[in-house]
PDB file of N, CA and C in Angstrom:
ATOM      1  N   MET A   1    -182.321  11.658 -88.025  1.00  0.00           N
ATOM      2  CA  MET A   1    -183.193  11.462 -86.816  1.00  0.00           C
ATOM      3  C   MET A   1    -184.064  12.034 -86.017  1.00  0.00           C
ATOM      4  N   LYS A   2    -183.746  12.984 -85.560  1.00  0.00           N
ATOM      5  CA  LYS A   2    -184.900  13.692 -85.031  1.00  0.00           C
ATOM      6  C   LYS A   2    -186.135  13.804 -85.707  1.00  0.00           C
ATOM      7  N   LYS A   3    -185.190  14.727 -87.116  1.00  0.00           N
ATOM      8  CA  LYS A   3    -186.232  15.140 -87.729  1.00  0.00           C
ATOM      9  C   LYS A   3    -187.189  13.798 -88.139  1.00  0.00           C
ATOM     10  N   LEU A   4    -186.616  12.580 -88.608  1.00  0.00           N
ATOM     11  CA  LEU A   4    -187.378  12.105 -88.683  1.00  0.00           C
ATOM     12  C   LEU A   4    -188.720  10.902 -88.004  1.00  0.00           C
ATOM     13  N   ILE A   5    -188.312  11.346 -86.837  1.00  0.00           N
ATOM     14  CA  ILE A   5    -189.123  10.523 -86.109  1.00  0.00           C
ATOM     15  C   ILE A   5    -190.203  11.632 -85.642  1.00  0.00           C
ATOM     16  N   LEU A   6    -189.669  13.065 -85.694  1.00  0.00           N
ATOM     17  CA  LEU A   6    -190.932  14.488 -85.607  1.00  0.00           C
ATOM     18  C   LEU A   6    -191.821  14.035 -86.905  1.00  0.00           C
ATOM     19  N   PHE A   7    -191.397  13.612 -88.076  1.00  0.00           N
ATOM     20  CA  PHE A   7    -192.049  13.835 -88.819  1.00  0.00           C
ATOM     21  C   PHE A   7    -193.066  12.271 -88.707  1.00  0.00           C
ATOM     22  N   LEU A   8    -192.851  11.324 -88.114  1.00  0.00           N
ATOM     23  CA  LEU A   8    -193.131  10.053 -88.002  1.00  0.00           C
ATOM     24  C   LEU A   8    -195.184  10.231 -87.035  1.00  0.00           C
ATOM     25  N   VAL A   9    -194.306  11.122 -86.235  1.00  0.00           N
ATOM     26  CA  VAL A   9    -195.424  11.518 -85.329  1.00  0.00           C
ATOM     27  C   VAL A   9    -196.058  12.487 -85.659  1.00  0.00           C
ATOM     28  N   VAL A  10    -195.820  13.489 -86.642  1.00  0.00           N
ATOM     29  CA  VAL A  10    -196.699  14.166 -87.032  1.00  0.00           C
ATOM     30  C   VAL A  10    -197.494  14.113 -88.207  1.00  0.00           C
ATOM     31  N   GLY A  11    -196.783  12.957 -88.745  1.00  0.00           N
ATOM     32  CA  GLY A  11    -197.973  11.737 -90.121  1.00  0.00           C
ATOM     33  C   GLY A  11    -198.886  10.787 -89.349  1.00  0.00           C
ATOM     34  N   ILE A  12    -198.614  10.632 -88.182  1.00  0.00           N
ATOM     35  CA  ILE A  12    -199.162   9.311 -87.146  1.00  0.00           C
ATOM     36  C   ILE A  12    -200.701  10.668 -86.584  1.00  0.00           C
ATOM     37  N   ILE A  13    -199.972  11.813 -86.374  1.00  0.00           N
ATOM     38  CA  ILE A  13    -201.390  12.460 -85.524  1.00  0.00           C
ATOM     39  C   ILE A  13    -202.071  12.463 -86.094  1.00  0.00           C
ATOM     40  N   THR A  14    -201.330  13.258 -87.524  1.00  0.00           N
ATOM     41  CA  THR A  14    -202.443  13.610 -88.776  1.00  0.00           C
ATOM     42  C   THR A  14    -203.596  12.468 -89.437  1.00  0.00           C
ATOM     43  N   THR A  15    -202.779  11.603 -89.307  1.00  0.00           N
ATOM     44  CA  THR A  15    -203.824  10.477 -89.950  1.00  0.00           C
ATOM     45  C   THR A  15    -205.057  10.107 -89.126  1.00  0.00           C
ATOM     46  N   SER A  16    -204.462   9.985 -87.701  1.00  0.00           N
ATOM     47  CA  SER A  16    -205.668   9.616 -86.441  1.00  0.00           C
ATOM     48  C   SER A  16    -206.436  10.635 -86.260  1.00  0.00           C
ATOM     49  N   CYS A  17    -206.539  11.845 -86.923  1.00  0.00           N
ATOM     50  CA  CYS A  17    -207.765  12.904 -86.294  1.00  0.00           C
ATOM     51  C   CYS A  17    -208.060  13.717 -87.940  1.00  0.00           C
ATOM     52  N   ALA A  18    -208.356  12.620 -88.873  1.00  0.00           N
ATOM     53  CA  ALA A  18    -208.819  12.754 -90.057  1.00  0.00           C
ATOM     54  C   ALA A  18    -210.035  13.389 -89.740  1.00  0.00           C
ATOM     55  N   ILE A  19    -209.964  14.234 -90.302  1.00  0.00           N
ATOM     56  CA  ILE A  19    -211.854  15.261 -90.492  1.00  0.00           C
ATOM     57  C   ILE A  19    -213.115  14.133 -90.855  1.00  0.00           C
ATOM     58  N   ASP A  20    -213.950  14.319 -90.024  1.00  0.00           N
ATOM     59  CA  ASP A  20    -215.765  13.482 -89.954  1.00  0.00           C
ATOM     60  C   ASP A  20    -216.109  14.590 -91.108  1.00  0.00           C
ATOM     61  N   PRO A  21    -216.251  14.257 -92.384  1.00  0.00           N
ATOM     62  CA  PRO A  21    -216.953  14.862 -93.091  1.00  0.00           C
ATOM     63  C   PRO A  21    -218.425  15.211 -92.790  1.00  0.00           C
ATOM     64  N   LEU A  22    -218.800  14.310 -91.931  1.00  0.00           N
ATOM     65  CA  LEU A  22    -220.762  13.865 -91.528  1.00  0.00           C
ATOM     66  C   LEU A  22    -220.429  14.650 -90.329  1.00  0.00           C
ATOM     67  N   LYS A  23    -219.767  15.061 -89.185  1.00  0.00           N
ATOM     68  CA  LYS A  23    -219.320  15.370 -87.782  1.00  0.00           C
ATOM     69  C   LYS A  23    -220.503  16.403 -87.904  1.00  0.00           C
ATOM     70  N   GLY A  24    -220.509  17.547 -88.418  1.00  0.00           N
ATOM     71  CA  GLY A  24    -221.577  18.723 -88.363  1.00  0.00           C
ATOM     72  C   GLY A  24    -222.337  18.662 -89.100  1.00  0.00           C
ATOM     73  N   VAL A  25    -223.383  17.317 -89.593  1.00  0.00           N
ATOM     74  CA  VAL A  25    -224.475  17.326 -90.398  1.00  0.00           C
ATOM     75  C   VAL A  25    -225.636  17.002 -89.409  1.00  0.00           C
ATOM     76  N   ASP A  26    -226.613  18.218 -89.515  1.00  0.00           N
ATOM     77  CA  ASP A  26    -227.889  17.552 -88.988  1.00  0.00           C
ATOM     78  C   ASP A  26    -228.448  16.425 -89.382  1.00  0.00           C
ATOM     79  N   THR A  27    -229.189  15.362 -88.512  1.00  0.00           N
ATOM     80  CA  THR A  27    -230.479  14.794 -88.920  1.00  0.00           C
ATOM     81  C   THR A  27    -231.717  14.968 -88.386  1.00  0.00           C
ATOM     82  N   TYR A  28    -231.944  15.988 -88.081  1.00  0.00           N
ATOM     83  CA  TYR A  28    -233.081  16.477 -87.122  1.00  0.00           C
ATOM     84  C   TYR A  28    -234.267  16.184 -88.347  1.00  0.00           C
ATOM     85  N   GLY A  29    -235.406  15.602 -87.902  1.00  0.00           N
ATOM     86  CA  GLY A  29    -236.509  15.265 -88.487  1.00  0.00           C
ATOM     87  C   GLY A  29    -236.212  14.317 -89.536  1.00  0.00           C
ATOM     88  N   LEU A  30    -235.604  13.541 -89.659  1.00  0.00           N
ATOM     89  CA  LEU A  30    -235.375  12.832 -90.461  1.00  0.00           C
ATOM     90  C   LEU A  30    -235.380  10.534 -89.671  1.00  0.00           C
ATOM     91  N   THR A  31    -235.998  10.067 -90.209  1.00  0.00           N
ATOM     92  CA  THR A  31    -236.240   8.780 -89.926  1.00  0.00           C
ATOM     93  C   THR A  31    -236.183   7.774 -90.999  1.00  0.00           C
ATOM     94  N   TYR A  32    -235.573   5.984 -90.194  1.00  0.00           N
ATOM     95  CA  TYR A  32    -235.251   5.199 -91.541  1.00  0.00           C
ATOM     96  C   TYR A  32    -235.302   4.156 -90.631  1.00  0.00           C
ATOM     97  N   ASP A  33    -236.430   3.973 -91.842  1.00  0.00           N
ATOM     98  CA  ASP A  33    -236.984   2.271 -91.557  1.00  0.00           C
ATOM     99  C   ASP A  33    -236.759   0.825 -91.944  1.00  0.00           C
ATOM    100  N   GLY A  34    -235.215   1.583 -92.512  1.00  0.00           N
ATOM    101  CA  GLY A  34    -234.638  -0.270 -92.812  1.00  0.00           C
ATOM    102  C   GLY A  34    -234.335   0.093 -94.456  1.00  0.00           C
ATOM    103  N   THR A  35    -235.906   0.287 -94.609  1.00  0.00           N
ATOM    104  CA  THR A  35    -235.833   0.249 -96.691  1.00  0.00           C
ATOM    105  C   THR A  35    -235.952   2.070 -97.235  1.00  0.00           C
ATOM    106  N   ASN A  36    -236.766   2.574 -96.207  1.00  0.00           N
ATOM    107  CA  ASN A  36    -237.021   3.954 -96.646  1.00  0.00           C
ATOM    108  C   ASN A  36    -237.073   5.511 -95.338  1.00  0.00           C
ATOM    109  N   VAL A  37    -236.634   6.479 -95.948  1.00  0.00           N
ATOM    110  CA  VAL A  37    -235.886   7.398 -95.195  1.00  0.00           C
ATOM    111  C   VAL A  37    -237.479   8.803 -95.136  1.00  0.00           C
ATOM    112  N   TYR A  38    -237.370   9.323 -94.276  1.00  0.00           N
ATOM    113  CA  TYR A  38    -239.297  10.054 -94.157  1.00  0.00           C
ATOM    114  C   TYR A  38    -238.418  11.354 -93.474  1.00  0.00           C
ATOM    115  N   PHE A  39    -238.680  12.485 -94.247  1.00  0.00           N
ATOM    116  CA  PHE A  39    -238.802  14.062 -93.807  1.00  0.00           C
ATOM    117  C   PHE A  39    -239.599  14.591 -93.029  1.00  0.00           C
ATOM    118  N   HIS A  40    -239.849  14.676 -91.630  1.00  0.00           N
ATOM    119  CA  HIS A  40    -240.802  14.833 -91.011  1.00  0.00           C
ATOM    120  C   HIS A  40    -242.098  14.504 -91.340  1.00  0.00           C
ATOM    121  N   GLU A  41    -242.432  12.790 -91.149  1.00  0.00           N
ATOM    122  CA  GLU A  41    -243.284  11.954 -91.576  1.00  0.00           C
ATOM    123  C   GLU A  41    -243.560  11.691 -93.026  1.00  0.00           C
ATOM    124  N   GLU A  42    -242.618  12.491 -93.671  1.00  0.00           N
ATOM    125  CA  GLU A  42    -243.173  12.357 -95.645  1.00  0.00           C
ATOM    126  C   GLU A  42    -241.902  11.914 -95.983  1.00  0.00           C
ATOM    127  N   LEU A  43    -242.228  10.904 -96.780  1.00  0.00           N
ATOM    128  CA  LEU A  43    -241.694   9.667 -97.644  1.00  0.00           C
ATOM    129  C   LEU A  43    -240.257  10.746 -97.973  1.00  0.00           C
ATOM    130  N   CYS A  44    -239.264  10.826 -98.148  1.00  0.00           N
ATOM    131  CA  CYS A  44    -238.291  11.878 -99.276  1.00  0.00           C
ATOM    132  C   CYS A  44    -237.136  10.634 -99.657  1.00  0.00           C
ATOM    133  N   ALA A  45    -236.983   9.486 -99.113  1.00  0.00           N
ATOM    134  CA  ALA A  45    -235.909   8.519 -99.881  1.00  0.00           C
ATOM    135  C   ALA A  45    -237.209   6.996 -99.921  1.00  0.00           C
ATOM    136  N   GLU A  46    -236.584   6.411-101.080  1.00  0.00           N
ATOM    137  CA  GLU A  46    -236.644   4.469-101.043  1.00  0.00           C
ATOM    138  C   GLU A  46    -235.567   4.201-101.248  1.00  0.00           C
ATOM    139  N   LEU A  47    -235.127   3.016-100.754  1.00  0.00           N
ATOM    140  CA  LEU A  47    -233.825   2.220-101.434  1.00  0.00           C
ATOM    141  C   LEU A  47    -233.950   1.432-102.374  1.00  0.00           C
ATOM    142  N   SER A  48    -233.415   2.105-103.581  1.00  0.00           N
ATOM    143  CA  SER A  48    -233.889   1.049-104.840  1.00  0.00           C
ATOM    144  C   SER A  48    -232.645  -0.162-104.900  1.00  0.00           C
ATOM    145  N   ALA A  49    -231.764   0.281-104.551  1.00  0.00           N
ATOM    146  CA  ALA A  49    -230.778  -1.182-104.573  1.00  0.00           C
ATOM    147  C   ALA A  49    -229.541  -1.320-103.392  1.00  0.00           C
ATOM    148  N   LEU A  50    -229.572  -2.504-102.826  1.00  0.00           N
ATOM    149  CA  LEU A  50    -228.441  -3.468-102.411  1.00  0.00           C
ATOM    150  C   LEU A  50    -227.319  -3.873-103.109  1.00  0.00           C
ATOM    151  N   GLU A  51    -225.556  -3.383-103.138  1.00  0.00           N
ATOM    152  CA  GLU A  51    -225.364  -4.076-103.486  1.00  0.00           C
ATOM    153  C   GLU A  51    -223.871  -4.509-103.008  1.00  0.00           C
ATOM    154  N   ILE A  52    -223.573  -5.486-103.866  1.00  0.00           N
ATOM    155  CA  ILE A  52    -221.832  -5.965-103.169  1.00  0.00           C
ATOM    156  C   ILE A  52    -220.773  -5.968-103.793  1.00  0.00           C
ATOM    157  N   ALA A  53    -219.652  -5.395-103.359  1.00  0.00           N
ATOM    158  CA  ALA A  53    -218.690  -4.515-104.822  1.00  0.00           C
ATOM    159  C   ALA A  53    -217.280  -4.478-103.638  1.00  0.00           C
ATOM    160  N   TYR A  54    -216.886  -4.435-104.676  1.00  0.00           N
ATOM    161  CA  TYR A  54    -215.147  -4.686-104.005  1.00  0.00           C
ATOM    162  C   TYR A  54    -214.351  -3.706-104.715  1.00  0.00           C
ATOM    163  N   ASP A  55    -214.378  -3.071-103.256  1.00  0.00           N
ATOM    164  CA  ASP A  55    -213.480  -1.871-103.410  1.00  0.00           C
ATOM    165  C   ASP A  55    -212.438  -1.277-102.450  1.00  0.00           C
ATOM    166  N   ASP A  56    -211.781  -0.494-102.819  1.00  0.00           N
ATOM    167  CA  ASP A  56    -210.123  -1.087-102.120  1.00  0.00           C
ATOM    168  C   ASP A  56    -209.827  -2.069-101.244  1.00  0.00           C
ATOM    169  N   GLY A  57    -209.730  -3.372-101.917  1.00  0.00           N
ATOM    170  CA  GLY A  57    -209.242  -4.693-101.574  1.00  0.00           C
ATOM    171  C   GLY A  57    -210.014  -5.332-100.676  1.00  0.00           C
ATOM    172  N   LYS A  58    -211.256  -4.851-100.696  1.00  0.00           N
ATOM    173  CA  LYS A  58    -212.456  -4.887 -99.236  1.00  0.00           C
ATOM    174  C   LYS A  58    -213.964  -5.445-100.544  1.00  0.00           C
ATOM    175  N   ILE A  59    -214.456  -6.506-100.005  1.00  0.00           N
ATOM    176  CA  ILE A  59    -215.814  -6.520-100.100  1.00  0.00           C
ATOM    177  C   ILE A  59    -216.577  -5.516 -99.588  1.00  0.00           C
ATOM    178  N   VAL A  60    -217.496  -4.788-100.001  1.00  0.00           N
ATOM    179  CA  VAL A  60    -218.221  -3.668 -99.474  1.00  0.00           C
ATOM    180  C   VAL A  60    -220.018  -3.895-100.120  1.00  0.00           C
ATOM    181  N   LYS A  61    -220.867  -3.597 -99.093  1.00  0.00           N
ATOM    182  CA  LYS A  61    -222.434  -3.497 -99.014  1.00  0.00           C
ATOM    183  C   LYS A  61    -222.403  -2.200 -99.154  1.00  0.00           C
ATOM    184  N   GLU A  62    -223.039  -2.271-100.340  1.00  0.00           N
ATOM    185  CA  GLU A  62    -223.541  -0.531-100.557  1.00  0.00           C
ATOM    186  C   GLU A  62    -225.361  -0.188-101.078  1.00  0.00           C
ATOM    187  N   ALA A  63    -225.806   0.266-100.287  1.00  0.00           N
ATOM    188  CA  ALA A  63    -227.062   1.122-100.551  1.00  0.00           C
ATOM    189  C   ALA A  63    -227.413   2.208-100.859  1.00  0.00           C
ATOM    190  N   THR A  64    -228.301   2.035-102.066  1.00  0.00           N
ATOM    191  CA  THR A  64    -228.628   3.285-102.992  1.00  0.00           C
ATOM    192  C   THR A  64    -230.341   3.670-102.945  1.00  0.00           C
ATOM    193  N   PHE A  65    -230.164   5.112-102.520  1.00  0.00           N
ATOM    194  CA  PHE A  65    -231.435   5.842-101.949  1.00  0.00           C
ATOM    195  C   PHE A  65    -231.598   6.807-102.672  1.00  0.00           C
ATOM    196  N   VAL A  66    -232.717   6.432-103.858  1.00  0.00           N
ATOM    197  CA  VAL A  66    -233.222   7.158-104.502  1.00  0.00           C
ATOM    198  C   VAL A  66    -234.344   8.364-103.743  1.00  0.00           C
ATOM    199  N   LEU A  67    -233.769  10.151-104.211  1.00  0.00           N
ATOM    200  CA  LEU A  67    -235.029  10.601-103.035  1.00  0.00           C
ATOM    201  C   LEU A  67    -235.957  10.696-104.739  1.00  0.00           C
ATOM    202  N   VAL A  68    -237.430  10.864-103.622  1.00  0.00           N
ATOM    203  CA  VAL A  68    -238.901  10.676-104.222  1.00  0.00           C
ATOM    204  C   VAL A  68    -238.763  12.488-104.794  1.00  0.00           C
ATOM    205  N   ASP A  69    -238.402  13.161-104.616  1.00  0.00           N
ATOM    206  CA  ASP A  69    -238.805  14.589-105.237  1.00  0.00           C
ATOM    207  C   ASP A  69    -237.469  15.767-104.941  1.00  0.00           C
ATOM    208  N   SER A  70    -237.282  16.633-106.420  1.00  0.00           N
ATOM    209  CA  SER A  70    -236.212  17.273-105.980  1.00  0.00           C
ATOM    210  C   SER A  70    -236.067  18.582-104.838  1.00  0.00           C
ATOM    211  N   LYS A  71    -237.330  18.449-103.384  1.00  0.00           N
ATOM    212  CA  LYS A  71    -237.430  19.191-103.359  1.00  0.00           C
ATOM    213  C   LYS A  71    -236.338  19.014-101.505  1.00  0.00           C
ATOM    214  N   TYR A  72    -235.765  17.730-101.876  1.00  0.00           N
ATOM    215  CA  TYR A  72    -235.287  16.922-100.892  1.00  0.00           C
ATOM    216  C   TYR A  72    -234.188  17.332-101.009  1.00  0.00           C
ATOM    217  N   ASN A  73    -233.353  17.526-102.476  1.00  0.00           N
ATOM    218  CA  ASN A  73    -231.819  17.272-102.478  1.00  0.00           C
ATOM    219  C   ASN A  73    -231.110  17.847-101.439  1.00  0.00           C
ATOM    220  N   ASP A  74    -231.536  18.753-100.684  1.00  0.00           N
ATOM    221  CA  ASP A  74    -230.536  19.567 -99.743  1.00  0.00           C
ATOM    222  C   ASP A  74    -230.747  18.500 -98.137  1.00  0.00           C
ATOM    223  N   GLN A  75    -231.516  17.662 -98.371  1.00  0.00           N
ATOM    224  CA  GLN A  75    -231.420  16.059 -97.210  1.00  0.00           C
ATOM    225  C   GLN A  75    -230.514  15.353 -97.987  1.00  0.00           C
ATOM    226  N   ALA A  76    -229.956  15.169 -98.852  1.00  0.00           N
ATOM    227  CA  ALA A  76    -228.960  14.123 -99.268  1.00  0.00           C
ATOM    228  C   ALA A  76    -228.258  14.087 -98.379  1.00  0.00           C
ATOM    229  N   ILE A  77    -226.929  14.818 -98.090  1.00  0.00           N
ATOM    230  CA  ILE A  77    -226.185  14.361 -96.899  1.00  0.00           C
ATOM    231  C   ILE A  77    -226.633  13.813 -95.649  1.00  0.00           C
ATOM    232  N   SER A  78    -227.686  14.468 -95.392  1.00  0.00           N
ATOM    233  CA  SER A  78    -228.131  14.568 -93.682  1.00  0.00           C
ATOM    234  C   SER A  78    -228.678  12.656 -93.682  1.00  0.00           C
ATOM    235  N   ILE A  79    -229.439  12.575 -95.412  1.00  0.00           N
ATOM    236  CA  ILE A  79    -229.706  11.108 -95.119  1.00  0.00           C
ATOM    237  C   ILE A  79    -228.697   9.778 -95.316  1.00  0.00           C
ATOM    238  N   ILE A  80    -227.563  10.359 -95.778  1.00  0.00           N
ATOM    239  CA  ILE A  80    -226.139   9.307 -95.473  1.00  0.00           C
ATOM    240  C   ILE A  80    -226.050   9.211 -94.321  1.00  0.00           C
ATOM    241  N   LYS A  81    -225.995  10.356 -93.576  1.00  0.00           N
ATOM    242  CA  LYS A  81    -225.642  10.167 -91.830  1.00  0.00           C
ATOM    243  C   LYS A  81    -226.573   9.334 -91.126  1.00  0.00           C
ATOM    244  N   LEU A  82    -227.224   9.704 -91.715  1.00  0.00           N
ATOM    245  CA  LEU A  82    -228.979   8.969 -90.602  1.00  0.00           C
ATOM    246  C   LEU A  82    -228.806   7.199 -91.383  1.00  0.00           C
ATOM    247  N   VAL A  83    -228.154   7.182 -92.374  1.00  0.00           N
ATOM    248  CA  VAL A  83    -228.350   5.807 -92.713  1.00  0.00           C
ATOM    249  C   VAL A  83    -227.038   4.784 -91.892  1.00  0.00           C
ATOM    250  N   LYS A  84    -225.778   5.759 -92.366  1.00  0.00           N
ATOM    251  CA  LYS A  84    -224.409   5.195 -91.438  1.00  0.00           C
ATOM    252  C   LYS A  84    -224.250   5.103 -90.358  1.00  0.00           C
ATOM    253  N   GLU A  85    -225.460   5.874 -89.850  1.00  0.00           N
ATOM    254  CA  GLU A  85    -225.035   5.274 -88.199  1.00  0.00           C
ATOM    255  C   GLU A  85    -225.998   4.413 -87.501  1.00  0.00           C
ATOM    256  N   LYS A  86    -227.314   4.492 -88.270  1.00  0.00           N
ATOM    257  CA  LYS A  86    -228.000   3.016 -88.563  1.00  0.00           C
ATOM    258  C   LYS A  86    -227.825   1.683 -88.663  1.00  0.00           C
ATOM    259  N   ARG A  87    -226.995   1.529 -89.455  1.00  0.00           N
ATOM    260  CA  ARG A  87    -226.297   0.544 -90.397  1.00  0.00           C
ATOM    261  C   ARG A  87    -224.623   1.254 -90.652  1.00  0.00           C
ATOM    262  N   PRO A  88    -223.300   0.674 -89.934  1.00  0.00           N
ATOM    263  CA  PRO A  88    -222.300   1.274 -89.996  1.00  0.00           C
ATOM    264  C   PRO A  88    -221.736   0.548 -91.698  1.00  0.00           C
ATOM    265  N   SER A  89    -222.324  -0.427 -91.110  1.00  0.00           N
ATOM    266  CA  SER A  89    -221.140  -1.403 -92.429  1.00  0.00           C
ATOM    267  C   SER A  89    -221.465  -0.738 -94.062  1.00  0.00           C
ATOM    268  N   LEU A  90    -222.974  -0.609 -94.218  1.00  0.00           N
ATOM    269  CA  LEU A  90    -222.675   0.079 -95.350  1.00  0.00           C
ATOM    270  C   LEU A  90    -222.515   1.377 -95.897  1.00  0.00           C
ATOM    271  N   GLU A  91    -221.997   1.062 -97.467  1.00  0.00           N
ATOM    272  CA  GLU A  91    -221.545   1.849 -97.946  1.00  0.00           C
ATOM    273  C   GLU A  91    -222.793   2.817 -98.519  1.00  0.00           C
ATOM    274  N   VAL A  92    -223.354   4.281 -98.544  1.00  0.00           N
ATOM    275  CA  VAL A  92    -224.567   4.584 -98.844  1.00  0.00           C
ATOM    276  C   VAL A  92    -224.200   5.971 -99.885  1.00  0.00           C
ATOM    277  N   GLU A  93    -225.137   5.827-100.878  1.00  0.00           N
ATOM    278  CA  GLU A  93    -225.453   6.783-101.968  1.00  0.00           C
ATOM    279  C   GLU A  93    -226.490   6.993-102.030  1.00  0.00           C
ATOM    280  N   VAL A  94    -227.326   8.345-102.595  1.00  0.00           N
ATOM    281  CA  VAL A  94    -228.419   9.270-102.361  1.00  0.00           C
ATOM    282  C   VAL A  94    -228.049   9.498-104.008  1.00  0.00           C
ATOM    283  N   GLU A  95    -229.241   8.996-104.838  1.00  0.00           N
ATOM    284  CA  GLU A  95    -229.261   9.907-106.211  1.00  0.00           C
ATOM    285  C   GLU A  95    -230.000  11.223-106.484  1.00  0.00           C
ATOM    286  N   LEU A  96    -229.708  12.113-106.583  1.00  0.00           N
ATOM    287  CA  LEU A  96    -230.595  13.114-106.438  1.00  0.00           C
ATOM    288  C   LEU A  96    -231.570  13.662-107.396  1.00  0.00           C
ATOM    289  N   LYS A  97    -232.593  14.229-107.539  1.00  0.00           N
ATOM    290  CA  LYS A  97    -233.930  14.552-108.898  1.00  0.00           C
ATOM    291  C   LYS A  97    -233.506  15.656-109.605  1.00  0.00           C
ATOM    292  N   LYS A  98    -233.640  15.941-110.362  1.00  0.00           N
ATOM    293  CA  LYS A  98    -233.390  16.920-111.584  1.00  0.00           C
ATOM    294  C   LYS A  98    -234.481  17.853-110.835  1.00  0.00           C
TER     295      LYS A  98
END
């Protein structure tokens, strides 16, 4: 019985301490105006689609941003973090350029 309780406690702690993959991501230099994202005041990503989807038993809103140039590919994760901070209800995607 003690092992079962210990197992449950460890499971609860592990679940509640899930790692945030965006925690250490830097958004310095990025700004978001609601439709576009700028890097040092230069357009780097444009909102290309707003979608409604059924995901994991929930209705979610998705926003897809398309980078304007491949030189911004390294900013994709930072763009996701910035938009999520400004619009937490959105699921955010960034399309990379070749």
